[in-house]
Amino acid sequence: MNLGSAEEELRCLREELTAAPDPEALFQASSKMARVVSEYFSPEQATDFIAATVEGMLSASPTCATAAGLWMKVILKECGDAMLDKVPAILDIIYSHMATIQEGNMCHL
């Protein structure tokens, strides 16, 4: 896939992620990256993506868990209309993990 200018934007955002001095800057760069990626996100990949982000939300690292939740929120917001037929499968994935997602990991969303 040819990403064109998005590839350069992602490269810059990756540098921001590695150089982010504080959690707020880290999450801003991650959110921007998720928005860029959402432009190329296929609705057919929705269930696999949601499953992966839910697994990330189960991480022992609060930063990783929050970032995974942030990515899921951005992708659903940006691509949600195209995923309407995937809603039952997405809800099944989320509900199957709800008991293990710690409420504290979700507080930054």
N, C-alpha and C. Protein backbone atom coordinates (compact mmCIF):
# COMPACT_ATOMS: atom_id res chain seq x y z
N MET A 1 0.85 -1.17 0.00
CA MET A 1 0.00 0.00 0.00
C MET A 1 0.90 1.24 0.00
N ASN A 2 0.57 2.19 -0.84
CA ASN A 2 1.32 3.44 -0.91
C ASN A 2 0.67 4.44 0.05
N LEU A 3 1.40 4.81 1.07
CA LEU A 3 0.86 5.72 2.08
C LEU A 3 1.14 7.19 1.77
N GLY A 4 2.04 7.44 0.83
CA GLY A 4 2.34 8.82 0.44
C GLY A 4 2.75 9.68 1.61
N SER A 5 2.09 10.83 1.78
CA SER A 5 2.45 11.78 2.83
C SER A 5 2.16 11.22 4.22
N ALA A 6 1.25 10.25 4.31
CA ALA A 6 0.94 9.66 5.60
C ALA A 6 2.15 8.93 6.17
N GLU A 7 2.95 8.35 5.30
CA GLU A 7 4.15 7.65 5.76
C GLU A 7 5.10 8.60 6.48
N GLU A 8 5.30 9.77 5.92
CA GLU A 8 6.17 10.76 6.56
C GLU A 8 5.56 11.25 7.87
N GLU A 9 4.24 11.45 7.87
CA GLU A 9 3.57 11.89 9.10
C GLU A 9 3.70 10.83 10.20
N LEU A 10 3.55 9.57 9.82
CA LEU A 10 3.70 8.49 10.79
C LEU A 10 5.14 8.41 11.31
N ARG A 11 6.10 8.64 10.45
CA ARG A 11 7.50 8.63 10.86
C ARG A 11 7.75 9.73 11.91
N CYS A 12 7.22 10.92 11.65
CA CYS A 12 7.37 12.03 12.59
C CYS A 12 6.67 11.74 13.91
N LEU A 13 5.49 11.15 13.83
CA LEU A 13 4.76 10.82 15.05
C LEU A 13 5.47 9.73 15.85
N ARG A 14 6.09 8.80 15.16
CA ARG A 14 6.87 7.77 15.86
C ARG A 14 8.02 8.41 16.63
N GLU A 15 8.66 9.41 16.02
CA GLU A 15 9.73 10.13 16.72
C GLU A 15 9.19 10.87 17.93
N GLU A 16 8.00 11.45 17.79
CA GLU A 16 7.37 12.12 18.93
C GLU A 16 7.09 11.12 20.06
N LEU A 17 6.65 9.92 19.69
CA LEU A 17 6.36 8.91 20.70
C LEU A 17 7.61 8.52 21.48
N THR A 18 8.72 8.40 20.79
CA THR A 18 9.95 7.99 21.47
C THR A 18 10.58 9.13 22.26
N ALA A 19 10.25 10.38 21.89
CA ALA A 19 10.85 11.53 22.57
C ALA A 19 9.88 12.24 23.51
N ALA A 20 8.65 11.74 23.61
CA ALA A 20 7.64 12.41 24.42
C ALA A 20 8.09 12.48 25.87
N PRO A 21 8.19 13.71 26.40
CA PRO A 21 8.70 13.89 27.75
C PRO A 21 7.69 13.57 28.85
N ASP A 22 6.41 13.62 28.54
CA ASP A 22 5.41 13.38 29.58
C ASP A 22 4.25 12.56 29.01
N PRO A 23 3.47 11.95 29.87
CA PRO A 23 2.36 11.10 29.39
C PRO A 23 1.37 11.84 28.50
N GLU A 24 1.07 13.08 28.77
CA GLU A 24 0.10 13.82 27.95
C GLU A 24 0.61 13.97 26.52
N ALA A 25 1.89 14.32 26.35
CA ALA A 25 2.47 14.44 25.01
C ALA A 25 2.49 13.08 24.31
N LEU A 26 2.75 12.04 25.07
CA LEU A 26 2.76 10.68 24.53
C LEU A 26 1.38 10.30 24.00
N PHE A 27 0.35 10.58 24.76
CA PHE A 27 -1.00 10.24 24.33
C PHE A 27 -1.48 11.11 23.18
N GLN A 28 -1.04 12.36 23.12
CA GLN A 28 -1.41 13.21 22.00
C GLN A 28 -0.80 12.68 20.70
N ALA A 29 0.48 12.31 20.75
CA ALA A 29 1.14 11.76 19.57
C ALA A 29 0.50 10.44 19.16
N SER A 30 0.16 9.60 20.14
CA SER A 30 -0.47 8.32 19.85
C SER A 30 -1.86 8.52 19.23
N SER A 31 -2.59 9.49 19.73
CA SER A 31 -3.92 9.79 19.19
C SER A 31 -3.83 10.28 17.74
N LYS A 32 -2.85 11.13 17.46
CA LYS A 32 -2.65 11.60 16.09
C LYS A 32 -2.30 10.43 15.17
N MET A 33 -1.46 9.53 15.68
CA MET A 33 -1.06 8.36 14.88
C MET A 33 -2.28 7.49 14.59
N ALA A 34 -3.14 7.30 15.56
CA ALA A 34 -4.34 6.50 15.35
C ALA A 34 -5.24 7.14 14.30
N ARG A 35 -5.33 8.47 14.28
CA ARG A 35 -6.16 9.15 13.28
C ARG A 35 -5.59 8.96 11.87
N VAL A 36 -4.28 9.01 11.74
CA VAL A 36 -3.65 8.80 10.43
C VAL A 36 -3.91 7.36 9.98
N VAL A 37 -3.72 6.41 10.87
CA VAL A 37 -3.93 5.01 10.53
C VAL A 37 -5.39 4.75 10.17
N SER A 38 -6.30 5.45 10.84
CA SER A 38 -7.73 5.21 10.60
C SER A 38 -8.13 5.51 9.16
N GLU A 39 -7.39 6.36 8.49
CA GLU A 39 -7.69 6.65 7.08
C GLU A 39 -7.48 5.44 6.19
N TYR A 40 -6.65 4.51 6.64
CA TYR A 40 -6.32 3.32 5.85
C TYR A 40 -6.90 2.05 6.45
N PHE A 41 -7.72 2.21 7.46
CA PHE A 41 -8.26 1.07 8.19
C PHE A 41 -9.45 0.49 7.45
N SER A 42 -9.41 -0.79 7.18
CA SER A 42 -10.48 -1.48 6.47
C SER A 42 -11.52 -2.00 7.47
N PRO A 43 -12.80 -1.79 7.19
CA PRO A 43 -13.83 -2.31 8.09
C PRO A 43 -13.73 -3.83 8.27
N GLU A 44 -13.21 -4.52 7.29
CA GLU A 44 -13.05 -5.96 7.39
C GLU A 44 -12.05 -6.35 8.48
N GLN A 45 -11.20 -5.42 8.86
CA GLN A 45 -10.20 -5.68 9.90
C GLN A 45 -10.72 -5.32 11.29
N ALA A 46 -11.96 -4.88 11.38
CA ALA A 46 -12.50 -4.34 12.63
C ALA A 46 -12.42 -5.33 13.78
N THR A 47 -12.88 -6.54 13.60
CA THR A 47 -12.92 -7.47 14.73
C THR A 47 -11.51 -7.86 15.18
N ASP A 48 -10.61 -8.07 14.24
CA ASP A 48 -9.23 -8.39 14.62
C ASP A 48 -8.59 -7.22 15.37
N PHE A 49 -8.84 -6.01 14.88
CA PHE A 49 -8.27 -4.83 15.53
C PHE A 49 -8.83 -4.66 16.94
N ILE A 50 -10.13 -4.77 17.09
CA ILE A 50 -10.75 -4.62 18.40
C ILE A 50 -10.23 -5.68 19.37
N ALA A 51 -10.11 -6.91 18.90
CA ALA A 51 -9.57 -7.97 19.75
C ALA A 51 -8.15 -7.64 20.20
N ALA A 52 -7.33 -7.13 19.30
CA ALA A 52 -5.95 -6.77 19.66
C ALA A 52 -5.91 -5.62 20.65
N THR A 53 -6.76 -4.62 20.47
CA THR A 53 -6.74 -3.49 21.41
C THR A 53 -7.29 -3.88 22.77
N VAL A 54 -8.29 -4.76 22.79
CA VAL A 54 -8.80 -5.22 24.09
C VAL A 54 -7.70 -5.99 24.82
N GLU A 55 -6.95 -6.82 24.09
CA GLU A 55 -5.82 -7.51 24.71
C GLU A 55 -4.81 -6.51 25.26
N GLY A 56 -4.56 -5.43 24.52
CA GLY A 56 -3.66 -4.38 24.99
C GLY A 56 -4.19 -3.69 26.24
N MET A 57 -5.52 -3.57 26.33
CA MET A 57 -6.12 -2.95 27.50
C MET A 57 -5.97 -3.83 28.74
N LEU A 58 -5.69 -5.10 28.54
CA LEU A 58 -5.48 -6.02 29.66
C LEU A 58 -4.03 -6.04 30.13
N SER A 59 -3.21 -5.22 29.51
CA SER A 59 -1.79 -5.17 29.84
C SER A 59 -1.58 -4.74 31.29
N ALA A 60 -0.51 -5.26 31.88
CA ALA A 60 -0.16 -4.86 33.24
C ALA A 60 0.34 -3.42 33.27
N SER A 61 0.77 -2.92 32.13
CA SER A 61 1.26 -1.55 32.06
C SER A 61 0.09 -0.58 31.89
N PRO A 62 -0.12 0.32 32.85
CA PRO A 62 -1.21 1.29 32.71
C PRO A 62 -1.08 2.15 31.45
N THR A 63 0.14 2.48 31.06
CA THR A 63 0.35 3.29 29.87
C THR A 63 -0.07 2.53 28.63
N CYS A 64 0.31 1.27 28.53
CA CYS A 64 -0.07 0.44 27.39
C CYS A 64 -1.58 0.24 27.35
N ALA A 65 -2.18 -0.03 28.49
CA ALA A 65 -3.62 -0.24 28.55
C ALA A 65 -4.39 1.01 28.13
N THR A 66 -3.94 2.16 28.59
CA THR A 66 -4.60 3.41 28.24
C THR A 66 -4.42 3.72 26.76
N ALA A 67 -3.22 3.50 26.24
CA ALA A 67 -2.97 3.75 24.81
C ALA A 67 -3.83 2.83 23.94
N ALA A 68 -3.97 1.57 24.33
CA ALA A 68 -4.81 0.64 23.56
C ALA A 68 -6.26 1.12 23.55
N GLY A 69 -6.75 1.56 24.70
CA GLY A 69 -8.10 2.09 24.77
C GLY A 69 -8.27 3.34 23.93
N LEU A 70 -7.25 4.18 23.93
CA LEU A 70 -7.27 5.40 23.12
C LEU A 70 -7.35 5.06 21.63
N TRP A 71 -6.53 4.11 21.19
CA TRP A 71 -6.56 3.70 19.78
C TRP A 71 -7.92 3.14 19.40
N MET A 72 -8.49 2.31 20.28
CA MET A 72 -9.79 1.74 19.97
C MET A 72 -10.84 2.85 19.86
N LYS A 73 -10.79 3.80 20.77
CA LYS A 73 -11.75 4.91 20.74
C LYS A 73 -11.61 5.72 19.46
N VAL A 74 -10.39 6.04 19.06
CA VAL A 74 -10.17 6.83 17.84
C VAL A 74 -10.63 6.07 16.60
N ILE A 75 -10.25 4.80 16.48
CA ILE A 75 -10.63 4.02 15.30
C ILE A 75 -12.15 3.87 15.22
N LEU A 76 -12.80 3.59 16.34
CA LEU A 76 -14.25 3.47 16.32
C LEU A 76 -14.92 4.80 15.96
N LYS A 77 -14.36 5.88 16.45
CA LYS A 77 -14.93 7.20 16.14
C LYS A 77 -14.75 7.54 14.66
N GLU A 78 -13.55 7.30 14.15
CA GLU A 78 -13.23 7.67 12.77
C GLU A 78 -13.83 6.71 11.75
N CYS A 79 -13.94 5.44 12.09
CA CYS A 79 -14.37 4.42 11.13
C CYS A 79 -15.68 3.75 11.50
N GLY A 80 -16.31 4.20 12.55
CA GLY A 80 -17.49 3.53 13.08
C GLY A 80 -18.61 3.33 12.08
N ASP A 81 -18.90 4.34 11.26
CA ASP A 81 -19.99 4.21 10.30
C ASP A 81 -19.76 3.05 9.33
N ALA A 82 -18.52 2.84 8.95
CA ALA A 82 -18.20 1.77 8.00
C ALA A 82 -18.22 0.39 8.67
N MET A 83 -18.28 0.37 10.00
CA MET A 83 -18.24 -0.90 10.74
C MET A 83 -19.59 -1.32 11.29
N LEU A 84 -20.66 -0.70 10.87
CA LEU A 84 -21.97 -0.99 11.46
C LEU A 84 -22.33 -2.47 11.43
N ASP A 85 -21.99 -3.16 10.37
CA ASP A 85 -22.33 -4.58 10.28
C ASP A 85 -21.45 -5.44 11.19
N LYS A 86 -20.38 -4.86 11.74
CA LYS A 86 -19.47 -5.59 12.62
C LYS A 86 -19.81 -5.37 14.10
N VAL A 87 -20.80 -4.53 14.40
CA VAL A 87 -21.11 -4.18 15.78
C VAL A 87 -21.38 -5.40 16.66
N PRO A 88 -22.19 -6.37 16.25
CA PRO A 88 -22.40 -7.53 17.13
C PRO A 88 -21.11 -8.26 17.47
N ALA A 89 -20.24 -8.46 16.50
CA ALA A 89 -18.96 -9.15 16.76
C ALA A 89 -18.06 -8.32 17.66
N ILE A 90 -18.03 -6.99 17.43
CA ILE A 90 -17.21 -6.11 18.27
C ILE A 90 -17.71 -6.12 19.70
N LEU A 91 -19.02 -6.05 19.89
CA LEU A 91 -19.58 -6.09 21.25
C LEU A 91 -19.29 -7.42 21.93
N ASP A 92 -19.35 -8.52 21.19
CA ASP A 92 -19.01 -9.83 21.77
C ASP A 92 -17.58 -9.84 22.29
N ILE A 93 -16.67 -9.27 21.51
CA ILE A 93 -15.26 -9.22 21.92
C ILE A 93 -15.10 -8.39 23.18
N ILE A 94 -15.69 -7.21 23.17
CA ILE A 94 -15.56 -6.32 24.33
C ILE A 94 -16.19 -6.94 25.58
N TYR A 95 -17.42 -7.43 25.46
CA TYR A 95 -18.11 -8.00 26.61
C TYR A 95 -17.41 -9.24 27.15
N SER A 96 -16.79 -10.02 26.28
CA SER A 96 -16.11 -11.22 26.75
C SER A 96 -14.89 -10.89 27.61
N HIS A 97 -14.38 -9.67 27.48
CA HIS A 97 -13.21 -9.25 28.26
C HIS A 97 -13.53 -8.26 29.38
N MET A 98 -14.77 -7.83 29.48
CA MET A 98 -15.11 -6.78 30.44
C MET A 98 -14.75 -7.13 31.88
N ALA A 99 -14.94 -8.37 32.27
CA ALA A 99 -14.67 -8.75 33.65
C ALA A 99 -13.20 -8.60 34.01
N THR A 100 -12.31 -8.68 33.03
CA THR A 100 -10.89 -8.62 33.32
C THR A 100 -10.26 -7.26 33.06
N ILE A 101 -11.00 -6.36 32.42
CA ILE A 101 -10.46 -5.02 32.19
C ILE A 101 -10.59 -4.24 33.49
N GLN A 102 -9.48 -3.78 34.00
CA GLN A 102 -9.51 -3.06 35.26
C GLN A 102 -10.00 -1.64 35.04
N GLU A 103 -10.89 -1.22 35.89
CA GLU A 103 -11.47 0.11 35.78
C GLU A 103 -10.38 1.19 35.83
N GLY A 104 -9.37 1.00 36.60
CA GLY A 104 -8.30 1.99 36.70
C GLY A 104 -7.56 2.21 35.40
N ASN A 105 -7.49 1.20 34.54
CA ASN A 105 -6.82 1.33 33.25
C ASN A 105 -7.62 2.17 32.28
N MET A 106 -8.88 2.38 32.55
CA MET A 106 -9.75 3.10 31.64
C MET A 106 -9.90 4.57 32.01
N CYS A 107 -9.34 5.00 33.12
CA CYS A 107 -9.63 6.33 33.63
C CYS A 107 -9.12 7.45 32.75
N HIS A 108 -8.15 7.22 31.88
CA HIS A 108 -7.61 8.29 31.05
C HIS A 108 -8.32 8.44 29.72
N LEU A 109 -9.30 7.57 29.45
CA LEU A 109 -9.98 7.61 28.15
C LEU A 109 -10.95 8.71 28.10
